[in-house]
């Protein structure tokens, strides 16, 4: 059996405002913006380099806007990505080192909360996988 997580719905109040944020501030690629049936608008956006996408729109979810929390985008160079997102006006936090793994945090216009995670260094990853290291 094979399963791939490819699309996650993100609940938003204003589709156009959110679409603009994800494209202009975060650099996501706009895959499509369609209304398949009246009242159901589907806007699919993909983070650069990602195999998974997000979907925002209307008529798709009962989650309240801003209720999504903790989606993580993993990056190789968190300091460079943070600097670019800050320059784009994304409103990202300072980088925090949490035991060798670095994180930064941001929210979209509705308050959906995202985590930017720096790639885990091999020595930290190995220590987390080695039961003798505990």
N, C-alpha and C. Protein backbone atom coordinates (compact mmCIF):
# COMPACT_ATOMS: atom_id res chain seq x y z
N UNK A 1 0.85 -1.17 0.00
CA UNK A 1 0.00 0.00 0.00
C UNK A 1 0.89 1.24 0.00
N UNK A 2 0.47 2.25 -0.72
CA UNK A 2 1.18 3.53 -0.75
C UNK A 2 0.18 4.65 -0.55
N UNK A 3 0.54 5.61 0.29
CA UNK A 3 -0.30 6.80 0.51
C UNK A 3 0.61 8.01 0.55
N UNK A 4 0.18 9.06 -0.12
CA UNK A 4 0.94 10.31 -0.12
C UNK A 4 0.02 11.44 0.32
N UNK A 5 0.48 12.20 1.28
CA UNK A 5 -0.25 13.41 1.64
C UNK A 5 0.13 14.47 0.61
N UNK A 6 -0.84 14.91 -0.18
CA UNK A 6 -0.53 15.84 -1.25
C UNK A 6 -1.20 17.20 -1.12
N UNK A 7 -2.35 17.26 -0.43
CA UNK A 7 -3.07 18.53 -0.32
C UNK A 7 -3.64 18.67 1.09
N UNK A 8 -3.47 19.86 1.67
CA UNK A 8 -4.03 20.18 2.98
C UNK A 8 -4.89 21.42 2.84
N UNK A 9 -6.10 21.36 3.37
CA UNK A 9 -6.98 22.54 3.33
C UNK A 9 -6.59 23.51 4.44
N UNK A 10 -6.56 24.77 4.09
CA UNK A 10 -6.27 25.84 5.04
C UNK A 10 -7.48 26.76 5.07
N UNK A 11 -8.15 26.87 6.21
CA UNK A 11 -9.38 27.67 6.28
C UNK A 11 -9.09 29.17 6.35
N UNK A 12 -9.68 29.91 5.40
CA UNK A 12 -9.47 31.35 5.33
C UNK A 12 -10.80 32.08 5.17
N UNK A 13 -10.83 33.34 5.56
CA UNK A 13 -12.05 34.15 5.45
C UNK A 13 -12.11 34.87 4.10
N UNK A 14 -10.99 35.37 3.63
CA UNK A 14 -10.93 36.15 2.39
C UNK A 14 -9.95 35.46 1.44
N UNK A 15 -10.48 34.76 0.45
CA UNK A 15 -9.67 33.95 -0.44
C UNK A 15 -8.65 34.79 -1.19
N UNK A 16 -9.06 35.93 -1.73
CA UNK A 16 -8.13 36.75 -2.51
C UNK A 16 -7.01 37.32 -1.65
N UNK A 17 -7.34 37.76 -0.45
CA UNK A 17 -6.31 38.28 0.47
C UNK A 17 -5.31 37.17 0.82
N UNK A 18 -5.82 35.97 1.08
CA UNK A 18 -4.94 34.85 1.43
C UNK A 18 -4.11 34.39 0.24
N UNK A 19 -4.74 34.34 -0.92
CA UNK A 19 -4.01 33.97 -2.13
C UNK A 19 -2.84 34.92 -2.35
N UNK A 20 -3.08 36.19 -2.20
CA UNK A 20 -2.03 37.20 -2.34
C UNK A 20 -0.92 36.98 -1.31
N UNK A 21 -1.28 36.72 -0.06
CA UNK A 21 -0.29 36.47 0.99
C UNK A 21 0.59 35.28 0.64
N UNK A 22 -0.03 34.17 0.29
CA UNK A 22 0.75 32.96 0.03
C UNK A 22 1.64 33.09 -1.21
N UNK A 23 1.18 33.78 -2.23
CA UNK A 23 1.97 33.96 -3.44
C UNK A 23 3.03 35.04 -3.24
N UNK A 24 2.62 36.22 -2.79
CA UNK A 24 3.54 37.35 -2.72
C UNK A 24 4.46 37.32 -1.51
N UNK A 25 3.94 36.95 -0.35
CA UNK A 25 4.76 36.99 0.87
C UNK A 25 5.54 35.70 1.08
N UNK A 26 4.93 34.53 0.79
CA UNK A 26 5.61 33.27 1.04
C UNK A 26 6.23 32.65 -0.20
N UNK A 27 5.88 33.15 -1.38
CA UNK A 27 6.48 32.63 -2.60
C UNK A 27 5.90 31.32 -3.09
N UNK A 28 4.69 30.96 -2.61
CA UNK A 28 4.05 29.74 -3.08
C UNK A 28 3.69 29.91 -4.56
N UNK A 29 3.64 28.80 -5.28
CA UNK A 29 3.25 28.79 -6.68
C UNK A 29 1.74 28.58 -6.77
N UNK A 30 1.07 29.40 -7.56
CA UNK A 30 -0.37 29.25 -7.80
C UNK A 30 -0.56 28.14 -8.83
N UNK A 31 -1.15 27.02 -8.41
CA UNK A 31 -1.39 25.89 -9.31
C UNK A 31 -2.68 26.07 -10.10
N UNK A 32 -3.73 26.46 -9.40
CA UNK A 32 -4.99 26.79 -10.08
C UNK A 32 -5.93 27.54 -9.16
N UNK A 33 -6.86 28.23 -9.78
CA UNK A 33 -7.90 29.00 -9.09
C UNK A 33 -9.16 28.80 -9.92
N UNK A 34 -10.00 27.88 -9.47
CA UNK A 34 -11.19 27.52 -10.26
C UNK A 34 -12.43 27.43 -9.38
N UNK A 35 -13.57 27.58 -10.03
CA UNK A 35 -14.86 27.37 -9.37
C UNK A 35 -15.54 26.24 -10.14
N UNK A 36 -15.39 25.01 -9.61
CA UNK A 36 -15.92 23.82 -10.28
C UNK A 36 -17.45 23.82 -10.30
N UNK A 37 -18.01 24.20 -9.17
CA UNK A 37 -19.47 24.31 -9.05
C UNK A 37 -19.76 25.63 -8.36
N UNK A 38 -20.95 26.21 -8.58
CA UNK A 38 -21.26 27.49 -7.94
C UNK A 38 -21.07 27.41 -6.41
N UNK A 39 -20.33 28.37 -5.88
CA UNK A 39 -20.10 28.46 -4.43
C UNK A 39 -18.91 27.67 -3.94
N UNK A 40 -18.23 26.94 -4.83
CA UNK A 40 -17.04 26.17 -4.42
C UNK A 40 -15.84 26.61 -5.24
N UNK A 41 -15.08 27.52 -4.66
CA UNK A 41 -13.85 28.02 -5.31
C UNK A 41 -12.66 27.27 -4.72
N UNK A 42 -11.80 26.77 -5.57
CA UNK A 42 -10.64 26.00 -5.14
C UNK A 42 -9.37 26.69 -5.65
N UNK A 43 -8.55 27.14 -4.71
CA UNK A 43 -7.26 27.76 -5.04
C UNK A 43 -6.18 26.87 -4.46
N UNK A 44 -5.40 26.25 -5.34
CA UNK A 44 -4.33 25.37 -4.90
C UNK A 44 -3.00 26.07 -5.05
N UNK A 45 -2.19 26.01 -3.98
CA UNK A 45 -0.90 26.68 -3.93
C UNK A 45 0.15 25.69 -3.42
N UNK A 46 1.36 25.77 -3.99
CA UNK A 46 2.41 24.84 -3.60
C UNK A 46 3.65 25.60 -3.14
N UNK A 47 4.16 25.26 -1.94
CA UNK A 47 5.42 25.86 -1.51
C UNK A 47 6.54 25.50 -2.50
N UNK A 48 7.49 26.40 -2.73
CA UNK A 48 8.56 26.10 -3.68
C UNK A 48 9.32 24.84 -3.27
N UNK A 49 9.43 23.89 -4.20
CA UNK A 49 10.16 22.65 -3.95
C UNK A 49 9.37 21.56 -3.23
N UNK A 50 8.12 21.81 -2.91
CA UNK A 50 7.33 20.85 -2.14
C UNK A 50 6.54 19.90 -3.03
N UNK A 51 6.36 18.68 -2.56
CA UNK A 51 5.49 17.72 -3.24
C UNK A 51 4.05 17.87 -2.77
N UNK A 52 3.84 18.55 -1.64
CA UNK A 52 2.50 18.76 -1.09
C UNK A 52 2.06 20.20 -1.32
N UNK A 53 0.75 20.39 -1.45
CA UNK A 53 0.17 21.70 -1.69
C UNK A 53 -0.84 22.02 -0.61
N UNK A 54 -1.28 23.28 -0.60
CA UNK A 54 -2.41 23.67 0.24
C UNK A 54 -3.55 24.10 -0.68
N UNK A 55 -4.75 24.05 -0.12
CA UNK A 55 -5.93 24.51 -0.84
C UNK A 55 -6.66 25.50 0.05
N UNK A 56 -6.98 26.66 -0.51
CA UNK A 56 -7.84 27.63 0.16
C UNK A 56 -9.03 27.84 -0.77
N UNK A 57 -10.11 28.35 -0.24
CA UNK A 57 -11.25 28.59 -1.11
C UNK A 57 -12.54 28.75 -0.34
N UNK A 58 -13.64 28.47 -1.03
CA UNK A 58 -14.96 28.58 -0.43
C UNK A 58 -15.73 27.29 -0.68
N UNK A 59 -16.62 26.96 0.25
CA UNK A 59 -17.49 25.81 0.09
C UNK A 59 -16.81 24.47 0.24
N UNK A 60 -15.68 24.42 0.97
CA UNK A 60 -14.93 23.16 1.08
C UNK A 60 -14.80 22.62 2.49
N UNK A 61 -14.79 23.47 3.50
CA UNK A 61 -14.48 23.01 4.84
C UNK A 61 -15.35 23.72 5.87
N UNK A 62 -15.55 23.06 7.00
CA UNK A 62 -16.28 23.69 8.11
C UNK A 62 -15.32 24.23 9.17
N UNK A 63 -14.00 24.08 8.95
CA UNK A 63 -13.03 24.63 9.90
C UNK A 63 -13.15 26.15 9.91
N UNK A 64 -13.14 26.77 11.07
CA UNK A 64 -13.18 28.24 11.09
C UNK A 64 -11.86 28.84 10.59
N UNK A 65 -11.94 29.96 9.88
CA UNK A 65 -10.72 30.63 9.42
C UNK A 65 -9.76 30.87 10.58
N UNK A 66 -8.49 30.59 10.33
CA UNK A 66 -7.46 30.82 11.34
C UNK A 66 -7.28 29.69 12.33
N UNK A 67 -7.97 28.58 12.16
CA UNK A 67 -7.92 27.50 13.16
C UNK A 67 -6.82 26.47 12.91
N UNK A 68 -6.14 26.56 11.78
CA UNK A 68 -5.10 25.58 11.48
C UNK A 68 -3.81 26.00 12.16
N UNK A 69 -3.11 25.02 12.69
CA UNK A 69 -1.91 25.33 13.47
C UNK A 69 -0.86 24.25 13.27
N UNK A 70 0.37 24.67 13.10
CA UNK A 70 1.49 23.74 13.16
C UNK A 70 1.93 23.09 11.87
N UNK A 71 1.43 23.52 10.71
CA UNK A 71 1.99 22.98 9.47
C UNK A 71 3.45 23.42 9.39
N UNK A 72 4.32 22.49 9.02
CA UNK A 72 5.74 22.80 8.99
C UNK A 72 6.30 22.79 7.59
N UNK A 73 7.07 23.80 7.30
CA UNK A 73 7.83 23.88 6.06
C UNK A 73 9.30 23.69 6.45
N UNK A 74 9.94 22.67 5.91
CA UNK A 74 11.33 22.36 6.24
C UNK A 74 12.23 22.97 5.18
N UNK A 75 13.25 23.67 5.62
CA UNK A 75 14.16 24.37 4.72
C UNK A 75 15.61 24.02 5.05
N UNK A 76 16.48 24.12 4.07
CA UNK A 76 17.90 23.82 4.30
C UNK A 76 18.60 24.91 5.08
N UNK A 77 18.33 26.18 4.74
CA UNK A 77 19.01 27.31 5.38
C UNK A 77 17.96 28.23 5.99
N UNK A 78 17.62 27.99 7.23
CA UNK A 78 16.53 28.73 7.87
C UNK A 78 16.85 30.21 7.98
N UNK A 79 18.11 30.56 8.19
CA UNK A 79 18.44 31.98 8.32
C UNK A 79 18.21 32.71 7.00
N UNK A 80 18.59 32.10 5.89
CA UNK A 80 18.38 32.73 4.58
C UNK A 80 16.90 32.81 4.24
N UNK A 81 16.16 31.74 4.53
CA UNK A 81 14.72 31.74 4.25
C UNK A 81 14.02 32.77 5.12
N UNK A 82 14.37 32.84 6.39
CA UNK A 82 13.76 33.83 7.28
C UNK A 82 14.01 35.24 6.77
N UNK A 83 15.26 35.51 6.34
CA UNK A 83 15.60 36.84 5.84
C UNK A 83 14.77 37.17 4.60
N UNK A 84 14.60 36.21 3.69
CA UNK A 84 13.80 36.47 2.49
C UNK A 84 12.34 36.70 2.84
N UNK A 85 11.79 35.89 3.74
CA UNK A 85 10.39 36.06 4.13
C UNK A 85 10.18 37.39 4.84
N UNK A 86 11.14 37.78 5.67
CA UNK A 86 11.06 39.07 6.36
C UNK A 86 11.07 40.20 5.33
N UNK A 87 11.94 40.08 4.33
CA UNK A 87 12.03 41.10 3.27
C UNK A 87 10.73 41.19 2.47
N UNK A 88 10.05 40.07 2.30
CA UNK A 88 8.78 40.03 1.57
C UNK A 88 7.61 40.53 2.41
N UNK A 89 7.87 40.77 3.72
CA UNK A 89 6.82 41.27 4.60
C UNK A 89 5.94 40.19 5.21
N UNK A 90 6.48 38.98 5.38
CA UNK A 90 5.69 37.86 5.88
C UNK A 90 5.47 37.90 7.39
N UNK A 91 6.17 38.75 8.12
CA UNK A 91 5.96 38.83 9.56
C UNK A 91 6.39 37.57 10.30
N UNK A 92 7.61 37.15 10.07
CA UNK A 92 8.13 35.91 10.67
C UNK A 92 8.90 36.22 11.94
N UNK A 93 8.87 35.29 12.89
CA UNK A 93 9.57 35.46 14.16
C UNK A 93 11.08 35.33 13.97
N UNK A 94 11.81 35.63 15.03
CA UNK A 94 13.24 35.34 15.05
C UNK A 94 13.42 33.82 15.04
N UNK A 95 14.59 33.38 14.61
CA UNK A 95 14.92 31.95 14.63
C UNK A 95 15.20 31.54 16.07
N UNK A 96 14.63 30.41 16.46
CA UNK A 96 14.83 29.86 17.80
C UNK A 96 15.50 28.50 17.69
N UNK A 97 16.57 28.31 18.45
CA UNK A 97 17.27 27.03 18.47
C UNK A 97 16.67 26.20 19.61
N UNK A 98 16.10 25.07 19.25
CA UNK A 98 15.47 24.20 20.25
C UNK A 98 16.22 22.87 20.28
N UNK A 99 17.38 22.90 20.92
CA UNK A 99 18.17 21.68 21.06
C UNK A 99 18.85 21.24 19.78
N UNK A 100 19.33 22.19 19.00
CA UNK A 100 20.04 21.86 17.77
C UNK A 100 19.18 21.91 16.52
N UNK A 101 17.89 21.99 16.67
CA UNK A 101 16.98 22.15 15.54
C UNK A 101 16.40 23.55 15.63
N UNK A 102 16.43 24.27 14.51
CA UNK A 102 16.02 25.67 14.52
C UNK A 102 14.63 25.84 13.91
N UNK A 103 13.86 26.77 14.52
CA UNK A 103 12.50 27.03 14.09
C UNK A 103 12.24 28.53 14.03
N UNK A 104 11.30 28.91 13.16
CA UNK A 104 10.75 30.27 13.13
C UNK A 104 9.25 30.11 12.88
N UNK A 105 8.48 31.11 13.24
CA UNK A 105 7.03 30.99 13.21
C UNK A 105 6.40 32.18 12.50
N UNK A 106 5.28 31.91 11.81
CA UNK A 106 4.55 32.99 11.16
C UNK A 106 3.08 32.61 11.07
N UNK A 107 2.25 33.61 10.79
CA UNK A 107 0.82 33.40 10.62
C UNK A 107 0.36 34.05 9.34
N UNK A 108 -0.68 33.45 8.73
CA UNK A 108 -1.27 34.08 7.55
C UNK A 108 -2.24 35.16 8.02
N UNK A 109 -2.88 35.89 7.12
CA UNK A 109 -3.77 36.99 7.53
C UNK A 109 -4.94 36.58 8.43
N UNK A 110 -5.34 35.30 8.38
CA UNK A 110 -6.44 34.84 9.24
C UNK A 110 -5.97 34.29 10.57
N UNK A 111 -4.66 34.11 10.73
CA UNK A 111 -4.13 33.57 11.98
C UNK A 111 -3.79 32.09 11.91
N UNK A 112 -3.89 31.45 10.74
CA UNK A 112 -3.39 30.09 10.61
C UNK A 112 -1.89 30.13 10.86
N UNK A 113 -1.41 29.25 11.76
CA UNK A 113 -0.03 29.33 12.20
C UNK A 113 0.86 28.28 11.52
N UNK A 114 1.98 28.77 11.01
CA UNK A 114 2.95 27.96 10.30
C UNK A 114 4.26 27.92 11.06
N UNK A 115 5.00 26.82 10.88
CA UNK A 115 6.33 26.65 11.46
C UNK A 115 7.32 26.47 10.31
N UNK A 116 8.40 27.23 10.35
CA UNK A 116 9.50 27.02 9.43
C UNK A 116 10.57 26.28 10.24
N UNK A 117 10.96 25.11 9.77
CA UNK A 117 11.94 24.30 10.48
C UNK A 117 13.19 24.17 9.64
N UNK A 118 14.33 24.46 10.26
CA UNK A 118 15.59 24.22 9.58
C UNK A 118 15.83 22.72 9.51
N UNK A 119 16.46 22.27 8.43
CA UNK A 119 16.75 20.85 8.30
C UNK A 119 17.55 20.38 9.52
N UNK A 120 17.19 19.23 10.04
CA UNK A 120 17.84 18.70 11.23
C UNK A 120 19.26 18.25 10.89
N UNK A 121 20.27 18.80 11.59
CA UNK A 121 21.65 18.38 11.33
C UNK A 121 21.80 16.87 11.57
N UNK A 122 22.64 16.19 10.78
CA UNK A 122 22.79 14.73 10.91
C UNK A 122 23.14 14.27 12.32
N UNK A 123 23.99 15.02 13.02
CA UNK A 123 24.38 14.59 14.36
C UNK A 123 23.21 14.65 15.35
N UNK A 124 22.32 15.61 15.16
CA UNK A 124 21.12 15.72 16.01
C UNK A 124 20.14 14.62 15.64
N UNK A 125 19.93 14.42 14.34
CA UNK A 125 19.02 13.38 13.87
C UNK A 125 19.47 12.02 14.38
N UNK A 126 20.77 11.74 14.29
CA UNK A 126 21.29 10.46 14.77
C UNK A 126 21.08 10.28 16.25
N UNK A 127 21.29 11.34 17.03
CA UNK A 127 21.09 11.25 18.47
C UNK A 127 19.63 10.99 18.82
N UNK A 128 18.70 11.53 18.03
CA UNK A 128 17.28 11.32 18.28
C UNK A 128 16.85 9.91 17.93
N UNK A 129 17.58 9.26 17.02
CA UNK A 129 17.23 7.92 16.59
C UNK A 129 17.94 6.84 17.38
N UNK A 130 19.00 7.20 18.09
CA UNK A 130 19.80 6.23 18.83
C UNK A 130 19.26 6.06 20.24
N UNK A 131 18.65 4.88 20.55
CA UNK A 131 18.09 4.70 21.90
C UNK A 131 19.13 4.77 23.00
N UNK A 132 20.40 4.47 22.69
CA UNK A 132 21.45 4.54 23.70
C UNK A 132 21.78 5.97 24.09
N UNK A 133 21.42 6.93 23.23
CA UNK A 133 21.72 8.34 23.50
C UNK A 133 20.74 8.93 24.49
N UNK A 134 19.64 8.24 24.78
CA UNK A 134 18.62 8.76 25.69
C UNK A 134 19.01 8.57 27.13
